[in-house]
Amino acid sequence: MPATASANCYCYYYYYYYYYFYYYYYYDYYDDYYYYYYYYLLLLLLLYDYYYFYYYYHYYYYYFYYYYFD
């Protein structure tokens, strides 16, 4: 369900993961909507958890926003 809605732009929570300091991002096409992933928040999370992740070397899942426009 939308977290925010402004100017026909809907914001959702989603997740991504990275491993050994690598993370992936992409945009998909589904139900006539483009899902744009919010790269800035991904980068902030990556920088925020840099040392902790380096120490443990595990998969981590984070929630972030993605948007679609109608």
N, C-alpha and C. Protein backbone atom coordinates (compact mmCIF):
# COMPACT_ATOMS: atom_id res chain seq x y z
N MET A 1 0.84 -1.18 0.00
CA MET A 1 0.00 0.00 0.00
C MET A 1 0.88 1.24 0.00
N PRO A 2 0.42 2.30 -0.60
CA PRO A 2 1.28 3.48 -0.73
C PRO A 2 1.65 4.09 0.62
N ALA A 3 2.88 4.49 0.74
CA ALA A 3 3.30 5.22 1.93
C ALA A 3 3.05 6.71 1.73
N THR A 4 3.27 7.18 0.52
CA THR A 4 2.93 8.55 0.19
C THR A 4 2.37 8.58 -1.22
N ALA A 5 1.65 9.64 -1.52
CA ALA A 5 1.13 9.81 -2.88
C ALA A 5 1.14 11.30 -3.19
N SER A 6 1.86 11.66 -4.22
CA SER A 6 1.97 13.07 -4.57
C SER A 6 2.17 13.19 -6.07
N ALA A 7 1.31 13.96 -6.73
CA ALA A 7 1.42 14.19 -8.17
C ALA A 7 1.45 12.88 -8.94
N ASN A 8 0.58 11.98 -8.58
CA ASN A 8 0.49 10.66 -9.22
C ASN A 8 1.75 9.82 -9.05
N CYS A 9 2.51 10.12 -8.03
CA CYS A 9 3.71 9.33 -7.73
C CYS A 9 3.49 8.62 -6.40
N TYR A 10 3.58 7.32 -6.43
CA TYR A 10 3.30 6.54 -5.23
C TYR A 10 4.59 5.93 -4.69
N CYS A 11 4.72 6.02 -3.42
CA CYS A 11 5.96 5.58 -2.78
C CYS A 11 5.69 4.32 -1.96
N TYR A 12 6.51 3.31 -2.16
CA TYR A 12 6.35 2.04 -1.47
C TYR A 12 7.64 1.67 -0.75
N TYR A 13 7.46 0.82 0.23
CA TYR A 13 8.64 0.22 0.84
C TYR A 13 9.00 -1.06 0.09
N TYR A 14 10.30 -1.30 -0.04
CA TYR A 14 10.77 -2.52 -0.66
C TYR A 14 12.09 -2.88 0.00
N TYR A 15 12.77 -3.88 -0.51
CA TYR A 15 14.03 -4.25 0.10
C TYR A 15 15.08 -4.52 -0.97
N TYR A 16 16.30 -4.46 -0.57
CA TYR A 16 17.38 -4.88 -1.45
C TYR A 16 18.42 -5.56 -0.56
N TYR A 17 19.40 -6.21 -1.19
CA TYR A 17 20.48 -6.77 -0.41
C TYR A 17 21.81 -6.53 -1.11
N TYR A 18 22.85 -6.51 -0.34
CA TYR A 18 24.18 -6.45 -0.92
C TYR A 18 25.07 -7.43 -0.16
N TYR A 19 26.16 -7.82 -0.78
CA TYR A 19 27.04 -8.83 -0.21
C TYR A 19 28.47 -8.46 -0.56
N TYR A 20 29.34 -8.49 0.44
CA TYR A 20 30.73 -8.07 0.25
C TYR A 20 30.82 -6.70 -0.42
N PHE A 21 30.02 -5.80 0.08
CA PHE A 21 29.99 -4.41 -0.37
C PHE A 21 29.42 -4.23 -1.77
N TYR A 22 28.85 -5.26 -2.33
CA TYR A 22 28.18 -5.10 -3.61
C TYR A 22 26.68 -5.05 -3.41
N TYR A 23 26.02 -4.20 -4.13
CA TYR A 23 24.57 -4.19 -4.09
C TYR A 23 24.07 -3.97 -5.51
N TYR A 24 22.86 -4.40 -5.73
CA TYR A 24 22.32 -4.29 -7.07
C TYR A 24 21.10 -3.38 -7.07
N TYR A 25 20.88 -2.74 -8.19
CA TYR A 25 19.68 -1.94 -8.36
C TYR A 25 19.26 -2.03 -9.82
N TYR A 26 18.01 -1.90 -10.03
CA TYR A 26 17.47 -2.03 -11.37
C TYR A 26 16.06 -1.43 -11.40
N TYR A 27 15.54 -1.27 -12.57
CA TYR A 27 14.13 -0.90 -12.65
C TYR A 27 13.39 -1.93 -13.51
N ASP A 28 12.20 -2.21 -13.13
CA ASP A 28 11.41 -3.25 -13.77
C ASP A 28 10.15 -2.63 -14.36
N TYR A 29 9.53 -3.38 -15.21
CA TYR A 29 8.30 -2.93 -15.85
C TYR A 29 7.19 -3.91 -15.52
N TYR A 30 6.13 -3.41 -14.91
CA TYR A 30 5.07 -4.30 -14.46
C TYR A 30 3.75 -3.55 -14.42
N ASP A 31 2.73 -4.14 -14.98
CA ASP A 31 1.40 -3.53 -14.98
C ASP A 31 1.41 -2.09 -15.49
N ASP A 32 2.18 -1.86 -16.56
CA ASP A 32 2.25 -0.54 -17.20
C ASP A 32 2.85 0.55 -16.31
N TYR A 33 3.61 0.16 -15.31
CA TYR A 33 4.28 1.13 -14.46
C TYR A 33 5.77 0.84 -14.44
N TYR A 34 6.56 1.90 -14.47
CA TYR A 34 8.00 1.73 -14.24
C TYR A 34 8.27 1.91 -12.75
N TYR A 35 9.05 1.01 -12.22
CA TYR A 35 9.37 1.06 -10.80
C TYR A 35 10.79 1.64 -10.68
N TYR A 36 10.86 2.82 -10.17
CA TYR A 36 12.14 3.49 -10.07
C TYR A 36 12.70 3.33 -8.65
N TYR A 37 13.86 2.75 -8.56
CA TYR A 37 14.46 2.52 -7.25
C TYR A 37 15.24 3.74 -6.79
N TYR A 38 15.13 3.99 -5.53
CA TYR A 38 15.68 5.23 -4.99
C TYR A 38 17.14 5.01 -4.60
N TYR A 39 18.05 5.32 -5.51
CA TYR A 39 19.46 5.00 -5.35
C TYR A 39 20.11 5.75 -4.20
N TYR A 40 19.67 6.97 -3.94
CA TYR A 40 20.30 7.75 -2.88
C TYR A 40 20.16 7.10 -1.52
N LEU A 41 19.00 6.56 -1.25
CA LEU A 41 18.81 5.89 0.04
C LEU A 41 19.65 4.62 0.11
N LEU A 42 19.80 3.92 -0.98
CA LEU A 42 20.65 2.74 -1.01
C LEU A 42 22.09 3.11 -0.66
N LEU A 43 22.55 4.20 -1.24
CA LEU A 43 23.92 4.63 -0.96
C LEU A 43 24.09 5.03 0.49
N LEU A 44 23.11 5.73 1.04
CA LEU A 44 23.18 6.11 2.44
C LEU A 44 23.22 4.88 3.35
N LEU A 45 22.42 3.90 3.05
CA LEU A 45 22.43 2.69 3.86
C LEU A 45 23.75 1.96 3.73
N LEU A 46 24.30 1.93 2.53
CA LEU A 46 25.58 1.27 2.31
C LEU A 46 26.68 1.95 3.11
N LEU A 47 26.72 3.27 3.06
CA LEU A 47 27.74 4.01 3.79
C LEU A 47 27.54 3.89 5.30
N TYR A 48 26.28 3.92 5.72
CA TYR A 48 25.97 3.86 7.15
C TYR A 48 26.42 2.54 7.77
N ASP A 49 26.25 1.46 7.04
CA ASP A 49 26.53 0.14 7.59
C ASP A 49 27.85 -0.44 7.08
N TYR A 50 28.72 0.39 6.60
CA TYR A 50 29.95 -0.06 5.96
C TYR A 50 30.81 -0.94 6.89
N TYR A 51 31.18 -0.42 8.04
CA TYR A 51 32.09 -1.14 8.91
C TYR A 51 31.45 -2.37 9.53
N TYR A 52 30.22 -2.21 9.93
CA TYR A 52 29.51 -3.34 10.51
C TYR A 52 29.40 -4.49 9.52
N PHE A 53 29.07 -4.16 8.32
CA PHE A 53 28.95 -5.19 7.30
C PHE A 53 30.30 -5.80 6.97
N TYR A 54 31.30 -5.00 6.93
CA TYR A 54 32.65 -5.49 6.65
C TYR A 54 33.10 -6.51 7.69
N TYR A 55 32.68 -6.30 8.91
CA TYR A 55 33.08 -7.19 9.99
C TYR A 55 32.36 -8.52 9.94
N TYR A 56 31.09 -8.51 9.60
CA TYR A 56 30.30 -9.74 9.69
C TYR A 56 30.20 -10.52 8.39
N TYR A 57 30.29 -9.87 7.26
CA TYR A 57 30.20 -10.56 5.97
C TYR A 57 28.95 -11.42 5.83
N HIS A 58 27.84 -10.83 6.05
CA HIS A 58 26.59 -11.54 5.88
C HIS A 58 25.71 -10.78 4.89
N TYR A 59 24.67 -11.47 4.48
CA TYR A 59 23.67 -10.78 3.68
C TYR A 59 22.84 -9.87 4.58
N TYR A 60 22.57 -8.70 4.07
CA TYR A 60 21.71 -7.79 4.80
C TYR A 60 20.57 -7.32 3.91
N TYR A 61 19.43 -7.21 4.50
CA TYR A 61 18.26 -6.73 3.77
C TYR A 61 17.84 -5.38 4.34
N TYR A 62 17.56 -4.46 3.46
CA TYR A 62 17.13 -3.14 3.91
C TYR A 62 15.85 -2.76 3.19
N TYR A 63 15.07 -1.97 3.87
CA TYR A 63 13.86 -1.42 3.23
C TYR A 63 14.18 -0.06 2.63
N PHE A 64 13.62 0.17 1.47
CA PHE A 64 13.79 1.47 0.86
C PHE A 64 12.55 1.78 0.05
N TYR A 65 12.55 2.94 -0.57
CA TYR A 65 11.39 3.37 -1.32
C TYR A 65 11.55 3.06 -2.80
N TYR A 66 10.47 2.72 -3.45
CA TYR A 66 10.47 2.82 -4.90
C TYR A 66 9.20 3.51 -5.35
N TYR A 67 9.30 4.12 -6.50
CA TYR A 67 8.23 4.98 -6.97
C TYR A 67 7.71 4.49 -8.31
N TYR A 68 6.46 4.70 -8.55
CA TYR A 68 5.96 4.54 -9.90
C TYR A 68 5.02 5.70 -10.23
N PHE A 69 4.93 5.98 -11.49
CA PHE A 69 4.17 7.13 -11.95
C PHE A 69 3.06 6.66 -12.88
N ASP A 70 1.89 7.21 -12.69
CA ASP A 70 0.79 6.84 -13.56
C ASP A 70 0.39 8.01 -14.48
